[in-house]
Protein backbone atom coordinates (compact mmCIF):
# COMPACT_ATOMS: atom_id res chain seq x y z
CA UNK A 1 -181.95 -16.89 51.78
CA UNK A 2 -181.82 -13.26 52.67
CA UNK A 3 -178.22 -13.74 53.60
CA UNK A 4 -177.46 -15.25 50.19
CA UNK A 5 -179.00 -12.39 48.28
CA UNK A 6 -177.35 -9.91 50.55
CA UNK A 7 -173.95 -11.51 49.90
CA UNK A 8 -174.68 -11.74 46.16
CA UNK A 9 -175.67 -8.07 46.09
CA UNK A 10 -172.48 -7.10 47.86
CA UNK A 11 -170.44 -9.15 45.42
CA UNK A 12 -172.17 -7.49 42.45
CA UNK A 13 -171.71 -4.09 43.93
CA UNK A 14 -168.09 -4.88 44.61
CA UNK A 15 -167.63 -6.00 40.99
CA UNK A 16 -169.27 -2.87 39.69
CA UNK A 17 -167.14 -0.82 41.97
CA UNK A 18 -164.01 -2.62 40.88
CA UNK A 19 -164.93 -2.26 37.19
CA UNK A 20 -165.94 1.40 37.20
CA UNK A 21 -163.57 2.83 39.77
CA UNK A 22 -160.39 3.13 37.63
CA UNK A 23 -162.34 4.84 34.82
CA UNK A 24 -163.89 7.42 37.02
CA UNK A 25 -160.54 7.90 38.70
CA UNK A 26 -158.86 8.46 35.31
CA UNK A 27 -161.54 10.83 34.25
CA UNK A 28 -161.19 12.63 37.47
CA UNK A 29 -157.49 12.88 37.02
CA UNK A 30 -157.93 14.17 33.49
CA UNK A 31 -160.44 16.72 34.62
CA UNK A 32 -158.15 17.77 37.42
CA UNK A 33 -155.26 18.16 34.99
CA UNK A 34 -157.44 20.19 32.60
CA UNK A 35 -158.59 22.39 35.47
CA UNK A 36 -155.06 22.91 36.59
CA UNK A 37 -153.93 23.79 33.09
CA UNK A 38 -156.80 26.23 32.62
CA UNK A 39 -155.99 28.04 35.81
CA UNK A 40 -152.22 28.01 35.40
CA UNK A 41 -150.75 31.15 33.90
CA UNK A 42 -149.93 30.83 30.20
CA UNK A 43 -146.24 31.24 29.42
CA UNK A 44 -145.49 33.99 26.90
CA UNK A 45 -144.12 32.65 23.64
CA UNK A 46 -140.46 33.19 23.05
CA UNK A 47 -139.90 36.30 20.93
CA UNK A 48 -138.64 35.78 17.34
CA UNK A 49 -135.23 37.28 16.90
CA UNK A 50 -135.19 40.13 14.32
CA UNK A 51 -132.64 39.74 11.52
CA UNK A 52 -129.46 41.56 12.17
CA UNK A 53 -129.26 44.72 10.04
CA UNK A 54 -126.64 44.78 7.28
CA UNK A 55 -123.75 46.74 8.54
CA UNK A 56 -122.98 49.80 6.36
CA UNK A 57 -119.38 50.85 5.93
CA UNK A 58 -118.49 52.91 8.84
CA UNK A 59 -117.72 56.53 8.10
CA UNK A 60 -115.51 58.38 10.38
CA UNK A 61 -117.36 61.33 11.84
CA UNK A 62 -116.16 64.70 10.67
CA UNK A 63 -115.02 66.83 13.46
CA UNK A 64 -117.13 69.92 13.71
CA UNK A 65 -114.08 72.10 14.18
CA UNK A 66 -112.01 70.51 11.37
CA UNK A 67 -111.10 72.88 8.52
CA UNK A 68 -111.92 71.69 4.97
CA UNK A 69 -108.99 70.49 2.89
CA UNK A 70 -107.79 73.30 0.60
CA UNK A 71 -108.02 72.80 -3.19
CA UNK A 72 -104.69 72.39 -5.01
CA UNK A 73 -103.45 75.83 -5.90
CA UNK A 74 -102.73 76.57 -9.59
CA UNK A 75 -99.17 77.30 -10.49
CA UNK A 76 -98.71 81.07 -10.51
CA UNK A 77 -97.98 82.64 -13.90
CA UNK A 78 -94.85 84.65 -13.87
CA UNK A 79 -95.61 88.24 -14.64
CA UNK A 80 -92.59 88.51 -16.90
CA UNK A 81 -93.28 85.27 -18.78
CA UNK A 82 -93.53 85.62 -22.56
CA UNK A 83 -96.89 84.27 -23.81
CA UNK A 84 -96.74 81.49 -26.36
CA UNK A 85 -97.31 82.83 -29.88
CA UNK A 86 -100.55 81.90 -31.57
CA UNK A 87 -100.27 79.27 -34.26
CA UNK A 88 -100.48 80.79 -37.71
CA UNK A 89 -102.53 78.69 -40.15
CA UNK A 90 -100.43 77.32 -42.94
CA UNK A 91 -101.21 78.85 -46.36
CA UNK A 92 -103.05 76.72 -48.86
CA UNK A 93 -100.71 74.57 -50.86
CA UNK A 94 -100.28 75.61 -54.44
CA UNK A 95 -99.73 73.31 -57.34
CA UNK A 96 -96.08 72.95 -58.16
CA UNK A 97 -93.96 70.90 -60.47
CA UNK A 98 -92.26 67.80 -59.09
CA UNK A 99 -89.28 68.72 -56.94
CA UNK A 100 -86.06 68.87 -58.96
CA UNK A 101 -82.57 69.01 -57.52
CA UNK A 102 -80.90 72.04 -59.09
CA UNK A 103 -77.32 71.48 -60.10
CA UNK A 104 -74.69 74.22 -59.57
CA UNK A 105 -74.09 74.00 -63.33
CA UNK A 106 -77.72 74.79 -64.15
CA UNK A 107 -78.21 77.54 -66.75
CA UNK A 108 -79.63 80.89 -65.62
CA UNK A 109 -81.46 81.66 -68.86
CA UNK A 110 -84.96 83.03 -68.34
CA UNK A 111 -84.67 83.86 -64.63
CA UNK A 112 -84.40 87.57 -65.40
CA UNK A 113 -87.63 87.68 -67.44
CA UNK A 114 -90.67 89.76 -66.50
CA UNK A 115 -93.78 87.91 -67.68
CA UNK A 116 -96.88 89.78 -66.55
CA UNK A 117 -97.89 88.80 -63.00
CA UNK A 118 -96.00 85.51 -63.16
CA UNK A 119 -93.12 84.40 -60.97
CA UNK A 120 -90.28 82.53 -62.64
CA UNK A 121 -89.44 79.30 -60.79
CA UNK A 122 -85.86 78.13 -61.18
CA UNK A 123 -85.36 74.71 -62.74
CA UNK A 124 -82.47 72.43 -63.56
CA UNK A 125 -81.25 73.26 -67.07
CA UNK A 126 -78.11 71.38 -68.03
CA UNK A 127 -76.10 71.67 -71.24
CA UNK A 128 -75.51 68.28 -72.83
CA UNK A 129 -72.47 67.09 -74.80
CA UNK A 130 -74.35 67.43 -78.13
CA UNK A 131 -75.24 71.06 -77.36
CA UNK A 132 -78.87 70.39 -76.42
CA UNK A 133 -80.41 71.39 -73.08
CA UNK A 134 -81.95 68.84 -70.71
CA UNK A 135 -84.58 70.69 -68.69
CA UNK A 136 -85.62 69.25 -65.33
CA UNK A 137 -84.40 65.77 -66.28
CA UNK A 138 -87.27 65.38 -68.76
CA UNK A 139 -87.51 67.92 -71.59
CA UNK A 140 -84.88 68.06 -74.35
CA UNK A 141 -84.44 71.40 -76.15
CA UNK A 142 -82.02 71.36 -79.06
CA UNK A 143 -80.62 74.33 -80.98
CA UNK A 144 -79.27 77.69 -79.84
CA UNK A 145 -82.31 79.96 -79.94
CA UNK A 146 -81.04 82.05 -82.84
CA UNK A 147 -82.48 82.73 -86.30
CA UNK A 148 -79.94 80.38 -87.84
CA UNK A 149 -80.30 77.69 -85.18
CA UNK A 150 -83.69 78.05 -83.45
CA UNK A 151 -84.63 75.98 -80.45
CA UNK A 152 -86.56 72.83 -81.32
CA UNK A 153 -89.37 72.75 -78.77
CA UNK A 154 -91.94 70.07 -77.96
CA UNK A 155 -95.54 70.61 -76.97
CA UNK A 156 -94.93 68.66 -73.78
CA UNK A 157 -92.57 71.38 -72.63
CA UNK A 158 -95.01 74.18 -73.40
CA UNK A 159 -98.07 72.51 -71.87
CA UNK A 160 -96.16 71.75 -68.65
CA UNK A 161 -96.80 75.37 -67.61
CA UNK A 162 -100.38 74.31 -66.83
CA UNK A 163 -99.12 72.52 -63.73
CA UNK A 164 -98.08 75.71 -61.93
CA UNK A 165 -99.53 78.69 -63.80
CA UNK A 166 -103.31 79.02 -63.20
CA UNK A 167 -104.04 82.70 -62.44
CA UNK A 168 -107.72 82.17 -61.58
CA UNK A 169 -106.55 79.94 -58.71
CA UNK A 170 -103.84 82.43 -57.66
CA UNK A 171 -101.15 80.07 -58.94
CA UNK A 172 -98.70 82.30 -60.81
CA UNK A 173 -95.53 80.26 -61.25
CA UNK A 174 -94.03 79.79 -64.70
CA UNK A 175 -91.17 77.25 -64.91
CA UNK A 176 -87.77 78.41 -66.07
CA UNK A 177 -87.78 75.92 -68.95
CA UNK A 178 -90.66 77.93 -70.49
CA UNK A 179 -89.44 81.39 -69.48
CA UNK A 180 -86.05 80.76 -71.14
CA UNK A 181 -87.82 80.53 -74.52
CA UNK A 182 -89.16 84.09 -74.28
CA UNK A 183 -87.45 86.30 -76.87
CA UNK A 184 -85.70 83.34 -78.54
CA UNK A 185 -86.27 81.84 -81.96
CA UNK A 186 -87.99 78.49 -81.88
CA UNK A 187 -89.26 75.90 -84.31
CA UNK A 188 -92.27 73.71 -83.62
CA UNK A 189 -94.61 71.43 -85.54
CA UNK A 190 -98.38 71.46 -85.14
CA UNK A 191 -101.84 71.62 -86.60
CA UNK A 192 -102.96 74.91 -88.16
CA UNK A 193 -106.20 76.87 -88.12
CA UNK A 194 -106.85 79.87 -90.38
CA UNK A 195 -109.32 82.75 -90.09
CA UNK A 196 -112.40 82.40 -92.26
CA UNK A 197 -113.87 84.83 -94.77
CA UNK A 198 -110.57 86.65 -95.43
CA UNK A 199 -108.76 87.19 -98.72
CA UNK A 200 -105.40 86.45 -97.16
CA UNK A 201 -104.21 85.25 -93.76
CA UNK A 202 -101.35 86.86 -91.87
CA UNK A 203 -102.37 85.35 -88.53
CA UNK A 204 -102.95 81.69 -87.87
CA UNK A 205 -103.22 79.42 -84.88
CA UNK A 206 -100.70 76.62 -84.34
CA UNK A 207 -102.04 73.85 -82.06
CA UNK A 208 -101.17 70.55 -80.48
CA UNK A 209 -104.49 69.01 -81.61
CA UNK A 210 -106.36 69.31 -84.86
CA UNK A 211 -109.30 71.76 -84.89
CA UNK A 212 -111.17 73.36 -87.78
CA UNK A 213 -112.06 76.52 -85.86
CA UNK A 214 -115.65 75.47 -85.36
CA UNK A 215 -116.96 71.99 -84.82
CA UNK A 216 -114.41 69.34 -85.73
CA UNK A 217 -111.49 68.42 -83.53
CA UNK A 218 -110.35 69.53 -80.07
CA UNK A 219 -110.55 73.26 -79.23
CA UNK A 220 -107.19 74.52 -77.97
CA UNK A 221 -106.28 75.92 -74.55
CA UNK A 222 -103.77 78.72 -73.82
CA UNK A 223 -101.18 76.05 -72.98
CA UNK A 224 -101.36 74.04 -76.23
CA UNK A 225 -101.82 76.79 -78.81
CA UNK A 226 -99.63 79.56 -80.24
CA UNK A 227 -100.89 82.74 -81.89
CA UNK A 228 -98.74 83.07 -85.02
CA UNK A 229 -98.08 86.27 -86.97
CA UNK A 230 -96.70 85.35 -90.39
CA UNK A 231 -94.00 87.43 -92.03
CA UNK A 232 -95.57 86.63 -95.41
CA UNK A 233 -99.38 86.29 -95.52
CA UNK A 234 -100.89 83.19 -97.00
CA UNK A 235 -102.57 83.93 -100.31
CA UNK A 236 -106.18 82.94 -101.08
CA UNK A 237 -106.64 79.44 -102.42
CA UNK A 238 -103.71 78.03 -100.46
CA UNK A 239 -104.64 78.68 -96.86
CA UNK A 240 -107.07 75.76 -96.60
CA UNK A 241 -104.57 73.29 -98.01
CA UNK A 242 -102.44 73.59 -94.90
CA UNK A 243 -103.51 71.38 -92.05
CA UNK A 244 -100.17 70.53 -90.49
CA UNK A 245 -96.79 72.19 -90.74
CA UNK A 246 -93.60 73.49 -89.16
CA UNK A 247 -93.50 77.06 -87.93
CA UNK A 248 -90.38 79.07 -87.12
CA UNK A 249 -90.40 82.49 -85.47
CA UNK A 250 -89.53 84.64 -82.49
CA UNK A 251 -91.26 83.22 -79.42
CA UNK A 252 -92.97 85.33 -76.82
CA UNK A 253 -94.46 84.33 -73.46
CA UNK A 254 -97.17 86.95 -72.87
CA UNK A 255 -100.00 86.04 -70.43
CA UNK A 256 -103.30 87.60 -71.47
CA UNK A 257 -105.88 87.65 -68.66
CA UNK A 258 -109.56 88.56 -68.61
CA UNK A 259 -110.97 88.79 -65.06
CA UNK A 260 -108.08 86.59 -63.90
CA UNK A 261 -108.92 83.96 -66.51
CA UNK A 262 -106.03 83.03 -68.79
CA UNK A 263 -107.06 83.58 -72.42
CA UNK A 264 -103.72 83.51 -74.20
CA UNK A 265 -100.12 82.70 -73.28
CA UNK A 266 -97.86 82.03 -76.29
CA UNK A 267 -97.14 84.08 -79.41
CA UNK A 268 -94.83 83.65 -82.39
CA UNK A 269 -93.78 86.74 -84.35
CA UNK A 270 -92.14 87.18 -87.77
CA UNK A 271 -92.94 83.56 -88.43
CA UNK A 272 -92.49 81.48 -91.53
CA UNK A 273 -94.56 78.44 -92.44
CA UNK A 274 -93.19 75.27 -94.00
CA UNK A 275 -95.32 72.41 -95.21
CA UNK A 276 -94.97 69.35 -97.41
CA UNK A 277 -97.70 70.57 -99.75
């Protein structure tokens, strides 16, 4: 019986040994591996590569002994060179009549006149087949300028002087078509204004537009009015009956200035008055 229990005990021990031996061996191996890893030197981690720097454009080094590049030399000025003249500002343009081509056959009447501070500007005055004068291709002047055959003049011709003759603006040109009338006998129609509060009138004003001398109508300018000196004065009671008429007399271009302002320009002397009244 002792032998049986001894054998049984050995068998049990052998079973326990067989059952637990691989586990303890595995544990032992794991422990040994852990011990080995703990004692083994730790490998340094691989360094992380730094990003390559962006390459800047290479600049060639400047040699320390290199001389700087000289600046471009200015062209030398010749000592005997003539300097360019300074530009002279153009004078202010003055008002002038439209350009007219002057014919070789143009009349010279009026170019020799002396009319105050004015300058006579030559025009194109052509004699027509009927004896009239065509001035500057626009104004027709009939007659001969004598007492028997006075020039027939229009207001358009007289007022055209306002285009070039304005003394306050230093414009002193009188066209030849107006200057030629100076000293000649002319005949013109117009409205009339008489002085007030006089017993008789030897001086009147002939005008392009109607004006009563005060408040009604259009006051005249030196270009559209003529100071008339009558050869025979107008008697009282008749002077106010004349509002429009034809005047004939010796014409005179006589600029009258006050502080460079034009006050009067045209006069008619030894004049006669004709009306339908």
